[in-house]
All heavy atoms as atom14 arrays in JSON, in Angstrom:
{
  "sequence": "GNRAQVTSLADLVAESGLQVRETRDYERGVLVRLDRARS",
  "atom14_mask": [
    [1, 1, 1, 1, 0, 0, 0, 0, 0, 0, 0, 0, 0, 0],
    [1, 1, 1, 1, 1, 1, 1, 1, 0, 0, 0, 0, 0, 0],
    [1, 1, 1, 1, 1, 1, 1, 1, 1, 1, 1, 0, 0, 0],
    [1, 1, 1, 1, 1, 0, 0, 0, 0, 0, 0, 0, 0, 0],
    [1, 1, 1, 1, 1, 1, 1, 1, 1, 0, 0, 0, 0, 0],
    [1, 1, 1, 1, 1, 1, 1, 0, 0, 0, 0, 0, 0, 0],
    [1, 1, 1, 1, 1, 1, 1, 0, 0, 0, 0, 0, 0, 0],
    [1, 1, 1, 1, 1, 1, 0, 0, 0, 0, 0, 0, 0, 0],
    [1, 1, 1, 1, 1, 1, 1, 1, 0, 0, 0, 0, 0, 0],
    [1, 1, 1, 1, 1, 0, 0, 0, 0, 0, 0, 0, 0, 0],
    [1, 1, 1, 1, 1, 1, 1, 1, 0, 0, 0, 0, 0, 0],
    [1, 1, 1, 1, 1, 1, 1, 1, 0, 0, 0, 0, 0, 0],
    [1, 1, 1, 1, 1, 1, 1, 0, 0, 0, 0, 0, 0, 0],
    [1, 1, 1, 1, 1, 0, 0, 0, 0, 0, 0, 0, 0, 0],
    [1, 1, 1, 1, 1, 1, 1, 1, 1, 0, 0, 0, 0, 0],
    [1, 1, 1, 1, 1, 1, 0, 0, 0, 0, 0, 0, 0, 0],
    [1, 1, 1, 1, 0, 0, 0, 0, 0, 0, 0, 0, 0, 0],
    [1, 1, 1, 1, 1, 1, 1, 1, 0, 0, 0, 0, 0, 0],
    [1, 1, 1, 1, 1, 1, 1, 1, 1, 0, 0, 0, 0, 0],
    [1, 1, 1, 1, 1, 1, 1, 0, 0, 0, 0, 0, 0, 0],
    [1, 1, 1, 1, 1, 1, 1, 1, 1, 1, 1, 0, 0, 0],
    [1, 1, 1, 1, 1, 1, 1, 1, 1, 0, 0, 0, 0, 0],
    [1, 1, 1, 1, 1, 1, 1, 0, 0, 0, 0, 0, 0, 0],
    [1, 1, 1, 1, 1, 1, 1, 1, 1, 1, 1, 0, 0, 0],
    [1, 1, 1, 1, 1, 1, 1, 1, 0, 0, 0, 0, 0, 0],
    [1, 1, 1, 1, 1, 1, 1, 1, 1, 1, 1, 1, 0, 0],
    [1, 1, 1, 1, 1, 1, 1, 1, 1, 0, 0, 0, 0, 0],
    [1, 1, 1, 1, 1, 1, 1, 1, 1, 1, 1, 0, 0, 0],
    [1, 1, 1, 1, 0, 0, 0, 0, 0, 0, 0, 0, 0, 0],
    [1, 1, 1, 1, 1, 1, 1, 0, 0, 0, 0, 0, 0, 0],
    [1, 1, 1, 1, 1, 1, 1, 1, 0, 0, 0, 0, 0, 0],
    [1, 1, 1, 1, 1, 1, 1, 0, 0, 0, 0, 0, 0, 0],
    [1, 1, 1, 1, 1, 1, 1, 1, 1, 1, 1, 0, 0, 0],
    [1, 1, 1, 1, 1, 1, 1, 1, 0, 0, 0, 0, 0, 0],
    [1, 1, 1, 1, 1, 1, 1, 1, 0, 0, 0, 0, 0, 0],
    [1, 1, 1, 1, 1, 1, 1, 1, 1, 1, 1, 0, 0, 0],
    [1, 1, 1, 1, 1, 0, 0, 0, 0, 0, 0, 0, 0, 0],
    [1, 1, 1, 1, 1, 1, 1, 1, 1, 1, 1, 0, 0, 0],
    [1, 1, 1, 1, 1, 1, 0, 0, 0, 0, 0, 0, 0, 0]
  ],
  "atom14_positions": [
    [[4.49, -9.43, -11.64], [5.24, -8.41, -10.93], [4.7, -8.07, -9.56], [5.46, -7.77, -8.64], [0.0, 0.0, 0.0], [0.0, 0.0, 0.0], [0.0, 0.0, 0.0], [0.0, 0.0, 0.0], [0.0, 0.0, 0.0], [0.0, 0.0, 0.0], [0.0, 0.0, 0.0], [0.0, 0.0, 0.0], [0.0, 0.0, 0.0], [0.0, 0.0, 0.0]],
    [[3.37, -8.12, -9.39], [2.76, -7.7, -8.13], [1.33, -8.24, -8.04], [0.78, -8.77, -9.02], [2.78, -6.17, -8.01], [2.19, -5.49, -9.23], [1.04, -5.72, -9.59], [2.99, -4.66, -9.89], [0.0, 0.0, 0.0], [0.0, 0.0, 0.0], [0.0, 0.0, 0.0], [0.0, 0.0, 0.0], [0.0, 0.0, 0.0], [0.0, 0.0, 0.0]],
    [[0.74, -8.06, -6.87], [-0.62, -8.57, -6.65], [-1.67, -7.81, -7.45], [-2.72, -8.36, -7.77], [-0.96, -8.54, -5.16], [-0.28, -9.66, -4.38], [-0.66, -9.66, -2.91], [-0.06, -10.79, -2.21], [-0.71, -11.88, -1.85], [-2.01, -12.0, -2.11], [-0.09, -12.86, -1.22], [0.0, 0.0, 0.0], [0.0, 0.0, 0.0], [0.0, 0.0, 0.0]],
    [[-1.41, -6.54, -7.77], [-2.35, -5.79, -8.6], [-2.51, -6.45, -9.96], [-3.63, -6.49, -10.52], [-1.89, -4.35, -8.75], [0.0, 0.0, 0.0], [0.0, 0.0, 0.0], [0.0, 0.0, 0.0], [0.0, 0.0, 0.0], [0.0, 0.0, 0.0], [0.0, 0.0, 0.0], [0.0, 0.0, 0.0], [0.0, 0.0, 0.0], [0.0, 0.0, 0.0]],
    [[-1.44, -7.0, -10.51], [-1.55, -7.7, -11.78], [-2.35, -8.99, -11.64], [-3.09, -9.36, -12.55], [-0.15, -7.99, -12.33], [0.6, -6.75, -12.79], [1.93, -7.07, -13.42], [2.6, -8.03, -13.05], [2.34, -6.27, -14.4], [0.0, 0.0, 0.0], [0.0, 0.0, 0.0], [0.0, 0.0, 0.0], [0.0, 0.0, 0.0], [0.0, 0.0, 0.0]],
    [[-2.22, -9.65, -10.51], [-3.03, -10.85, -10.25], [-4.5, -10.48, -10.28], [-5.32, -11.17, -10.92], [-2.66, -11.49, -8.9], [-3.49, -12.74, -8.66], [-1.17, -11.82, -8.85], [0.0, 0.0, 0.0], [0.0, 0.0, 0.0], [0.0, 0.0, 0.0], [0.0, 0.0, 0.0], [0.0, 0.0, 0.0], [0.0, 0.0, 0.0], [0.0, 0.0, 0.0]],
    [[-4.85, -9.39, -9.62], [-6.25, -8.93, -9.59], [-6.74, -8.6, -10.99], [-7.87, -8.92, -11.37], [-6.38, -7.71, -8.67], [-5.96, -8.08, -7.35], [-7.81, -7.21, -8.63], [0.0, 0.0, 0.0], [0.0, 0.0, 0.0], [0.0, 0.0, 0.0], [0.0, 0.0, 0.0], [0.0, 0.0, 0.0], [0.0, 0.0, 0.0], [0.0, 0.0, 0.0]],
    [[-5.88, -7.97, -11.8], [-6.27, -7.6, -13.16], [-6.59, -8.8, -14.03], [-7.37, -8.7, -14.99], [-5.15, -6.77, -13.82], [-4.96, -5.54, -13.15], [0.0, 0.0, 0.0], [0.0, 0.0, 0.0], [0.0, 0.0, 0.0], [0.0, 0.0, 0.0], [0.0, 0.0, 0.0], [0.0, 0.0, 0.0], [0.0, 0.0, 0.0], [0.0, 0.0, 0.0]],
    [[-5.98, -9.94, -13.72], [-6.18, -11.15, -14.52], [-7.31, -12.03, -13.98], [-7.6, -13.08, -14.56], [-4.9, -11.97, -14.55], [-3.73, -11.38, -15.33], [-2.48, -12.23, -15.13], [-4.04, -11.26, -16.81], [0.0, 0.0, 0.0], [0.0, 0.0, 0.0], [0.0, 0.0, 0.0], [0.0, 0.0, 0.0], [0.0, 0.0, 0.0], [0.0, 0.0, 0.0]],
    [[-7.95, -11.63, -12.89], [-8.91, -12.5, -12.21], [-10.04, -12.97, -13.13], [-10.4, -14.15, -13.12], [-9.48, -11.78, -10.98], [0.0, 0.0, 0.0], [0.0, 0.0, 0.0], [0.0, 0.0, 0.0], [0.0, 0.0, 0.0], [0.0, 0.0, 0.0], [0.0, 0.0, 0.0], [0.0, 0.0, 0.0], [0.0, 0.0, 0.0], [0.0, 0.0, 0.0]],
    [[-10.61, -12.05, -13.91], [-11.73, -12.44, -14.78], [-11.27, -13.44, -15.84], [-11.97, -14.42, -16.12], [-12.34, -11.21, -15.45], [-13.13, -10.34, -14.49], [-13.45, -10.83, -13.37], [-13.41, -9.17, -14.83], [0.0, 0.0, 0.0], [0.0, 0.0, 0.0], [0.0, 0.0, 0.0], [0.0, 0.0, 0.0], [0.0, 0.0, 0.0], [0.0, 0.0, 0.0]],
    [[-10.11, -13.2, -16.43], [-9.6, -14.11, -17.46], [-9.29, -15.48, -16.85], [-9.53, -16.51, -17.49], [-8.35, -13.52, -18.11], [-7.69, -14.38, -19.19], [-8.65, -14.64, -20.34], [-6.41, -13.71, -19.7], [0.0, 0.0, 0.0], [0.0, 0.0, 0.0], [0.0, 0.0, 0.0], [0.0, 0.0, 0.0], [0.0, 0.0, 0.0], [0.0, 0.0, 0.0]],
    [[-8.75, -15.5, -15.65], [-8.48, -16.77, -14.97], [-9.77, -17.58, -14.84], [-9.81, -18.78, -15.17], [-7.84, -16.53, -13.59], [-7.83, -17.81, -12.76], [-6.42, -16.0, -13.76], [0.0, 0.0, 0.0], [0.0, 0.0, 0.0], [0.0, 0.0, 0.0], [0.0, 0.0, 0.0], [0.0, 0.0, 0.0], [0.0, 0.0, 0.0], [0.0, 0.0, 0.0]],
    [[-10.84, -16.93, -14.38], [-12.12, -17.62, -14.22], [-12.68, -18.07, -15.56], [-13.17, -19.2, -15.71], [-13.11, -16.71, -13.5], [0.0, 0.0, 0.0], [0.0, 0.0, 0.0], [0.0, 0.0, 0.0], [0.0, 0.0, 0.0], [0.0, 0.0, 0.0], [0.0, 0.0, 0.0], [0.0, 0.0, 0.0], [0.0, 0.0, 0.0], [0.0, 0.0, 0.0]],
    [[-12.59, -17.21, -16.59], [-13.09, -17.56, -17.92], [-12.33, -18.74, -18.51], [-12.87, -19.48, -19.34], [-12.96, -16.35, -18.85], [-13.89, -15.19, -18.51], [-13.52, -13.93, -19.27], [-12.62, -14.01, -20.15], [-14.1, -12.88, -18.97], [0.0, 0.0, 0.0], [0.0, 0.0, 0.0], [0.0, 0.0, 0.0], [0.0, 0.0, 0.0], [0.0, 0.0, 0.0]],
    [[-11.1, -18.92, -18.08], [-10.25, -20.0, -18.59], [-10.43, -21.3, -17.82], [-9.71, -22.28, -18.07], [-8.77, -19.57, -18.55], [-8.56, -18.42, -19.34], [0.0, 0.0, 0.0], [0.0, 0.0, 0.0], [0.0, 0.0, 0.0], [0.0, 0.0, 0.0], [0.0, 0.0, 0.0], [0.0, 0.0, 0.0], [0.0, 0.0, 0.0], [0.0, 0.0, 0.0]],
    [[-11.4, -21.32, -16.91], [-11.68, -22.54, -16.15], [-10.7, -22.8, -15.04], [-10.55, -23.94, -14.59], [0.0, 0.0, 0.0], [0.0, 0.0, 0.0], [0.0, 0.0, 0.0], [0.0, 0.0, 0.0], [0.0, 0.0, 0.0], [0.0, 0.0, 0.0], [0.0, 0.0, 0.0], [0.0, 0.0, 0.0], [0.0, 0.0, 0.0], [0.0, 0.0, 0.0]],
    [[-10.04, -21.75, -14.56], [-9.02, -21.88, -13.53], [-9.44, -21.11, -12.28], [-10.35, -20.29, -12.32], [-7.68, -21.33, -14.04], [-7.15, -21.92, -15.35], [-5.99, -21.08, -15.87], [-6.71, -23.37, -15.14], [0.0, 0.0, 0.0], [0.0, 0.0, 0.0], [0.0, 0.0, 0.0], [0.0, 0.0, 0.0], [0.0, 0.0, 0.0], [0.0, 0.0, 0.0]],
    [[-8.73, -21.37, -11.21], [-8.92, -20.58, -10.01], [-7.56, -20.28, -9.37], [-6.64, -21.08, -9.44], [-9.8, -21.31, -8.99], [-9.25, -22.63, -8.49], [-10.16, -23.29, -7.47], [-11.28, -22.86, -7.25], [-9.67, -24.35, -6.85], [0.0, 0.0, 0.0], [0.0, 0.0, 0.0], [0.0, 0.0, 0.0], [0.0, 0.0, 0.0], [0.0, 0.0, 0.0]],
    [[-7.48, -19.08, -8.8], [-6.27, -18.72, -8.06], [-6.31, -19.41, -6.71], [-7.18, -19.13, -5.89], [-6.16, -17.2, -7.88], [-4.95, -16.86, -7.0], [-6.05, -16.49, -9.22], [0.0, 0.0, 0.0], [0.0, 0.0, 0.0], [0.0, 0.0, 0.0], [0.0, 0.0, 0.0], [0.0, 0.0, 0.0], [0.0, 0.0, 0.0], [0.0, 0.0, 0.0]],
    [[-5.39, -20.31, -6.51], [-5.35, -21.08, -5.26], [-4.5, -20.39, -4.19], [-4.84, -20.4, -3.02], [-4.81, -22.47, -5.54], [-4.69, -23.38, -4.33], [-6.05, -23.81, -3.81], [-5.92, -24.75, -2.73], [-5.81, -26.08, -2.87], [-5.82, -26.6, -4.1], [-5.71, -26.87, -1.84], [0.0, 0.0, 0.0], [0.0, 0.0, 0.0], [0.0, 0.0, 0.0]],
    [[-3.4, -19.76, -4.63], [-2.49, -19.13, -3.68], [-1.57, -18.17, -4.41], [-1.19, -18.41, -5.55], [-1.65, -20.2, -2.96], [-0.72, -19.67, -1.88], [0.12, -20.76, -1.23], [-0.08, -21.95, -1.56], [0.98, -20.41, -0.42], [0.0, 0.0, 0.0], [0.0, 0.0, 0.0], [0.0, 0.0, 0.0], [0.0, 0.0, 0.0], [0.0, 0.0, 0.0]],
    [[-1.23, -17.07, -3.74], [-0.26, -16.12, -4.26], [0.84, -15.92, -3.23], [0.55, -15.69, -2.05], [-0.91, -14.76, -4.59], [-1.94, -14.95, -5.56], [0.1, -13.78, -5.15], [0.0, 0.0, 0.0], [0.0, 0.0, 0.0], [0.0, 0.0, 0.0], [0.0, 0.0, 0.0], [0.0, 0.0, 0.0], [0.0, 0.0, 0.0], [0.0, 0.0, 0.0]],
    [[2.09, -16.03, -3.66], [3.23, -15.86, -2.76], [4.04, -14.65, -3.19], [4.34, -14.48, -4.37], [4.11, -17.11, -2.77], [3.39, -18.36, -2.27], [4.32, -19.57, -2.29], [3.63, -20.79, -1.85], [4.19, -22.0, -1.78], [5.47, -22.15, -2.12], [3.48, -23.04, -1.38], [0.0, 0.0, 0.0], [0.0, 0.0, 0.0], [0.0, 0.0, 0.0]],
    [[4.41, -13.82, -2.22], [5.15, -12.59, -2.48], [6.65, -12.8, -2.3], [7.08, -13.45, -1.33], [4.68, -11.49, -1.53], [3.24, -11.1, -1.75], [2.98, -10.31, -2.67], [2.36, -11.6, -1.02], [0.0, 0.0, 0.0], [0.0, 0.0, 0.0], [0.0, 0.0, 0.0], [0.0, 0.0, 0.0], [0.0, 0.0, 0.0], [0.0, 0.0, 0.0]],
    [[7.42, -12.2, -3.2], [8.87, -12.21, -3.12], [9.38, -10.79, -3.35], [8.62, -9.91, -3.76], [9.46, -13.18, -4.14], [9.05, -14.61, -3.88], [7.85, -15.12, -4.4], [9.81, -15.45, -3.08], [7.45, -16.41, -4.14], [9.43, -16.75, -2.82], [8.23, -17.22, -3.35], [7.82, -18.52, -3.08], [0.0, 0.0, 0.0], [0.0, 0.0, 0.0]],
    [[10.65, -10.59, -3.12], [11.2, -9.23, -3.2], [11.05, -8.63, -4.59], [10.84, -7.44, -4.74], [12.68, -9.26, -2.8], [13.34, -7.89, -2.78], [14.78, -7.94, -2.34], [15.24, -9.02, -1.93], [15.45, -6.89, -2.39], [0.0, 0.0, 0.0], [0.0, 0.0, 0.0], [0.0, 0.0, 0.0], [0.0, 0.0, 0.0], [0.0, 0.0, 0.0]],
    [[11.12, -9.48, -5.63], [11.12, -8.95, -6.99], [9.94, -9.42, -7.83], [9.95, -9.29, -9.05], [12.43, -9.32, -7.69], [13.66, -8.74, -6.99], [14.91, -8.95, -7.78], [14.88, -8.24, -9.05], [15.9, -8.21, -9.91], [17.01, -8.87, -9.63], [15.81, -7.55, -11.04], [0.0, 0.0, 0.0], [0.0, 0.0, 0.0], [0.0, 0.0, 0.0]],
    [[8.92, -9.96, -7.19], [7.76, -10.39, -7.96], [6.85, -11.27, -7.12], [7.05, -11.43, -5.91], [0.0, 0.0, 0.0], [0.0, 0.0, 0.0], [0.0, 0.0, 0.0], [0.0, 0.0, 0.0], [0.0, 0.0, 0.0], [0.0, 0.0, 0.0], [0.0, 0.0, 0.0], [0.0, 0.0, 0.0], [0.0, 0.0, 0.0], [0.0, 0.0, 0.0]],
    [[5.82, -11.81, -7.76], [4.9, -12.73, -7.09], [4.76, -13.99, -7.92], [4.97, -13.98, -9.13], [3.51, -12.08, -6.86], [3.62, -10.84, -6.0], [2.81, -11.77, -8.19], [0.0, 0.0, 0.0], [0.0, 0.0, 0.0], [0.0, 0.0, 0.0], [0.0, 0.0, 0.0], [0.0, 0.0, 0.0], [0.0, 0.0, 0.0], [0.0, 0.0, 0.0]],
    [[4.42, -15.08, -7.24], [4.1, -16.34, -7.9], [2.67, -16.69, -7.57], [2.24, -16.58, -6.41], [5.03, -17.45, -7.41], [6.52, -17.26, -7.7], [7.33, -18.43, -7.11], [6.8, -17.13, -9.2], [0.0, 0.0, 0.0], [0.0, 0.0, 0.0], [0.0, 0.0, 0.0], [0.0, 0.0, 0.0], [0.0, 0.0, 0.0], [0.0, 0.0, 0.0]],
    [[1.95, -17.13, -8.59], [0.52, -17.42, -8.45], [0.26, -18.87, -8.83], [0.64, -19.31, -9.92], [-0.33, -16.5, -9.35], [-1.81, -16.66, -9.05], [0.1, -15.05, -9.22], [0.0, 0.0, 0.0], [0.0, 0.0, 0.0], [0.0, 0.0, 0.0], [0.0, 0.0, 0.0], [0.0, 0.0, 0.0], [0.0, 0.0, 0.0], [0.0, 0.0, 0.0]],
    [[-0.38, -19.59, -7.94], [-0.79, -20.97, -8.25], [-2.19, -20.95, -8.84], [-3.13, -20.43, -8.25], [-0.77, -21.84, -6.99], [-1.32, -23.24, -7.23], [-1.27, -24.06, -5.95], [-2.0, -25.31, -6.12], [-2.15, -26.22, -5.16], [-1.59, -26.03, -3.97], [-2.85, -27.33, -5.38], [0.0, 0.0, 0.0], [0.0, 0.0, 0.0], [0.0, 0.0, 0.0]],
    [[-2.32, -21.51, -10.05], [-3.6, -21.61, -10.75], [-3.98, -23.08, -10.86], [-3.19, -23.88, -11.37], [-3.5, -20.99, -12.15], [-3.05, -19.54, -12.23], [-2.91, -19.11, -13.68], [-4.04, -18.63, -11.51], [0.0, 0.0, 0.0], [0.0, 0.0, 0.0], [0.0, 0.0, 0.0], [0.0, 0.0, 0.0], [0.0, 0.0, 0.0], [0.0, 0.0, 0.0]],
    [[-5.15, -23.42, -10.4], [-5.59, -24.83, -10.39], [-6.78, -25.05, -11.32], [-7.6, -24.15, -11.52], [-6.01, -25.25, -8.98], [-4.83, -25.54, -8.07], [-3.68, -25.36, -8.52], [-5.06, -25.94, -6.92], [0.0, 0.0, 0.0], [0.0, 0.0, 0.0], [0.0, 0.0, 0.0], [0.0, 0.0, 0.0], [0.0, 0.0, 0.0], [0.0, 0.0, 0.0]],
    [[-6.85, -26.25, -11.86], [-8.07, -26.71, -12.52], [-8.67, -27.82, -11.67], [-7.96, -28.76, -11.27], [-7.77, -27.25, -13.93], [-9.05, -27.73, -14.65], [-8.75, -28.34, -16.01], [-8.17, -27.39, -16.93], [-8.85, -26.4, -17.49], [-10.12, -26.19, -17.21], [-8.26, -25.6, -18.36], [0.0, 0.0, 0.0], [0.0, 0.0, 0.0], [0.0, 0.0, 0.0]],
    [[-9.96, -27.71, -11.41], [-10.63, -28.7, -10.58], [-10.58, -30.07, -11.24], [-10.59, -30.21, -12.47], [-12.07, -28.3, -10.32], [0.0, 0.0, 0.0], [0.0, 0.0, 0.0], [0.0, 0.0, 0.0], [0.0, 0.0, 0.0], [0.0, 0.0, 0.0], [0.0, 0.0, 0.0], [0.0, 0.0, 0.0], [0.0, 0.0, 0.0], [0.0, 0.0, 0.0]],
    [[-10.52, -31.1, -10.41], [-10.59, -32.47, -10.93], [-11.97, -32.74, -11.46], [-12.97, -32.25, -10.95], [-10.25, -33.47, -9.81], [-8.79, -33.38, -9.35], [-8.48, -34.4, -8.28], [-7.11, -34.27, -7.82], [-6.07, -34.86, -8.36], [-6.24, -35.68, -9.39], [-4.86, -34.69, -7.87], [0.0, 0.0, 0.0], [0.0, 0.0, 0.0], [0.0, 0.0, 0.0]],
    [[-12.04, -33.57, -12.49], [-13.34, -33.91, -13.1], [-14.19, -34.7, -12.11], [-13.67, -35.52, -11.36], [-13.13, -34.73, -14.37], [-12.38, -33.99, -15.31], [0.0, 0.0, 0.0], [0.0, 0.0, 0.0], [0.0, 0.0, 0.0], [0.0, 0.0, 0.0], [0.0, 0.0, 0.0], [0.0, 0.0, 0.0], [0.0, 0.0, 0.0], [0.0, 0.0, 0.0]]
  ]
}
């Protein structure tokens, strides 16, 4: 829904072996790109 929710999930994202690569804002929500590093 918003960037505050992205921030709230930051620890879980890291614990899951992921990283937030980019967040894009739209009128009715946000999209978050989550990446896993190549081996």
